[in-house]
């Protein structure tokens, strides 16, 4: 994929916003951005409650985490391990 990575504003913060927007458009889901720090390795969260009602058994939470590197190298496993499920 040929993407103009140098056009991303605000480094990883801008990339996280772009990633949340992409996931929302691609999967037609309403993800909400989490706080910038102490987010538990979750950049955005979507909560679903099925048609039966709002009890815990019918609730599911999806989350996403975006990783950005501005040094032109691939991400090493130490940056990925805490977030891989």
C-alpha atoms as a PDB file:
ATOM      1  CA  UNK A   1       0.000   0.000   0.000  1.00  0.00           C
ATOM      2  CA  UNK A   2       1.451   3.319  -1.054  1.00  0.00           C
ATOM      3  CA  UNK A   3       0.419   5.788   1.642  1.00  0.00           C
ATOM      4  CA  UNK A   4       1.855   9.272   2.274  1.00  0.00           C
ATOM      5  CA  UNK A   5       2.952   8.551   5.856  1.00  0.00           C
ATOM      6  CA  UNK A   6       4.730  11.895   6.075  1.00  0.00           C
ATOM      7  CA  UNK A   7       1.343  13.646   5.817  1.00  0.00           C
ATOM      8  CA  UNK A   8       0.140  12.353   9.201  1.00  0.00           C
ATOM      9  CA  UNK A   9      -0.113  15.230  11.660  1.00  0.00           C
ATOM     10  CA  UNK A  10       0.709  14.906  15.385  1.00  0.00           C
ATOM     11  CA  UNK A  11       2.667  11.651  15.039  1.00  0.00           C
ATOM     12  CA  UNK A  12       1.034   8.725  16.844  1.00  0.00           C
ATOM     13  CA  UNK A  13      -1.948  10.773  18.043  1.00  0.00           C
ATOM     14  CA  UNK A  14      -2.888  11.664  14.488  1.00  0.00           C
ATOM     15  CA  UNK A  15      -2.347   8.071  13.400  1.00  0.00           C
ATOM     16  CA  UNK A  16      -4.634   6.792  16.170  1.00  0.00           C
ATOM     17  CA  UNK A  17      -7.399   9.147  15.011  1.00  0.00           C
ATOM     18  CA  UNK A  18      -6.908   7.983  11.426  1.00  0.00           C
ATOM     19  CA  UNK A  19      -7.034   4.325  12.532  1.00  0.00           C
ATOM     20  CA  UNK A  20     -10.261   4.853  14.508  1.00  0.00           C
ATOM     21  CA  UNK A  21     -11.852   6.589  11.530  1.00  0.00           C
ATOM     22  CA  UNK A  22     -10.759   3.765   9.216  1.00  0.00           C
ATOM     23  CA  UNK A  23     -12.155   1.017  11.474  1.00  0.00           C
ATOM     24  CA  UNK A  24     -15.466   2.871  11.829  1.00  0.00           C
ATOM     25  CA  UNK A  25     -15.826   3.248   8.059  1.00  0.00           C
ATOM     26  CA  UNK A  26     -14.594  -0.240   7.184  1.00  0.00           C
ATOM     27  CA  UNK A  27     -16.748  -2.087   9.718  1.00  0.00           C
ATOM     28  CA  UNK A  28     -19.682   0.332  10.092  1.00  0.00           C
ATOM     29  CA  UNK A  29     -19.236   0.487  13.866  1.00  0.00           C
ATOM     30  CA  UNK A  30     -19.311   3.339  16.336  1.00  0.00           C
ATOM     31  CA  UNK A  31     -15.938   3.231  18.083  1.00  0.00           C
ATOM     32  CA  UNK A  32     -15.227   5.851  20.730  1.00  0.00           C
ATOM     33  CA  UNK A  33     -11.672   7.097  21.218  1.00  0.00           C
ATOM     34  CA  UNK A  34     -10.233   6.359  24.655  1.00  0.00           C
ATOM     35  CA  UNK A  35      -8.036   8.720  26.653  1.00  0.00           C
ATOM     36  CA  UNK A  36      -4.548   9.411  25.316  1.00  0.00           C
ATOM     37  CA  UNK A  37      -2.780   7.856  28.294  1.00  0.00           C
ATOM     38  CA  UNK A  38      -3.557   4.965  30.602  1.00  0.00           C
ATOM     39  CA  UNK A  39      -6.016   3.559  28.100  1.00  0.00           C
ATOM     40  CA  UNK A  40      -5.222  -0.080  28.887  1.00  0.00           C
ATOM     41  CA  UNK A  41      -3.760  -0.570  25.395  1.00  0.00           C
ATOM     42  CA  UNK A  42      -7.094   0.313  23.809  1.00  0.00           C
ATOM     43  CA  UNK A  43      -7.245   3.298  21.470  1.00  0.00           C
ATOM     44  CA  UNK A  44     -10.963   2.942  20.825  1.00  0.00           C
ATOM     45  CA  UNK A  45     -13.852   0.856  22.159  1.00  0.00           C
ATOM     46  CA  UNK A  46     -17.215  -0.180  20.726  1.00  0.00           C
ATOM     47  CA  UNK A  47     -19.908  -1.730  22.932  1.00  0.00           C
ATOM     48  CA  UNK A  48     -22.677  -3.873  21.469  1.00  0.00           C
ATOM     49  CA  UNK A  49     -25.897  -4.896  23.166  1.00  0.00           C
ATOM     50  CA  UNK A  50     -27.926  -7.464  21.257  1.00  0.00           C
ATOM     51  CA  UNK A  51     -31.698  -7.389  20.678  1.00  0.00           C
ATOM     52  CA  UNK A  52     -32.514  -9.267  23.893  1.00  0.00           C
ATOM     53  CA  UNK A  53     -31.705  -6.364  26.156  1.00  0.00           C
ATOM     54  CA  UNK A  54     -28.951  -4.778  28.160  1.00  0.00           C
ATOM     55  CA  UNK A  55     -27.970  -7.442  30.666  1.00  0.00           C
ATOM     56  CA  UNK A  56     -24.278  -8.374  30.841  1.00  0.00           C
ATOM     57  CA  UNK A  57     -24.725 -11.718  29.084  1.00  0.00           C
ATOM     58  CA  UNK A  58     -25.835  -9.911  25.919  1.00  0.00           C
ATOM     59  CA  UNK A  59     -23.186  -7.207  25.941  1.00  0.00           C
ATOM     60  CA  UNK A  60     -19.902  -7.448  24.075  1.00  0.00           C
ATOM     61  CA  UNK A  61     -17.019  -5.015  23.830  1.00  0.00           C
ATOM     62  CA  UNK A  62     -14.708  -4.691  20.847  1.00  0.00           C
ATOM     63  CA  UNK A  63     -11.524  -2.660  21.037  1.00  0.00           C
ATOM     64  CA  UNK A  64      -8.708  -1.617  18.746  1.00  0.00           C
ATOM     65  CA  UNK A  65      -5.140  -0.478  19.262  1.00  0.00           C
ATOM     66  CA  UNK A  66      -3.106   1.338  16.616  1.00  0.00           C
ATOM     67  CA  UNK A  67       0.692   1.285  16.528  1.00  0.00           C
ATOM     68  CA  UNK A  68       2.702   3.947  14.700  1.00  0.00           C
ATOM     69  CA  UNK A  69       6.403   4.265  14.031  1.00  0.00           C
ATOM     70  CA  UNK A  70       7.928   7.369  12.503  1.00  0.00           C
ATOM     71  CA  UNK A  71      11.445   6.022  12.173  1.00  0.00           C
ATOM     72  CA  UNK A  72      10.754   4.020   9.003  1.00  0.00           C
ATOM     73  CA  UNK A  73      11.361   0.681  10.685  1.00  0.00           C
ATOM     74  CA  UNK A  74       8.977  -2.118  11.425  1.00  0.00           C
ATOM     75  CA  UNK A  75       7.546  -2.427  14.911  1.00  0.00           C
ATOM     76  CA  UNK A  76       9.387  -4.851  17.137  1.00  0.00           C
ATOM     77  CA  UNK A  77       7.633  -7.427  19.261  1.00  0.00           C
ATOM     78  CA  UNK A  78       8.204  -5.465  22.476  1.00  0.00           C
ATOM     79  CA  UNK A  79       5.893  -2.722  21.181  1.00  0.00           C
ATOM     80  CA  UNK A  80       3.305  -5.270  20.003  1.00  0.00           C
ATOM     81  CA  UNK A  81       3.310  -7.945  22.738  1.00  0.00           C
ATOM     82  CA  UNK A  82       1.258  -6.005  25.331  1.00  0.00           C
ATOM     83  CA  UNK A  83      -1.603  -5.548  22.864  1.00  0.00           C
ATOM     84  CA  UNK A  84      -1.749  -8.833  20.972  1.00  0.00           C
ATOM     85  CA  UNK A  85      -4.632 -11.015  22.097  1.00  0.00           C
END
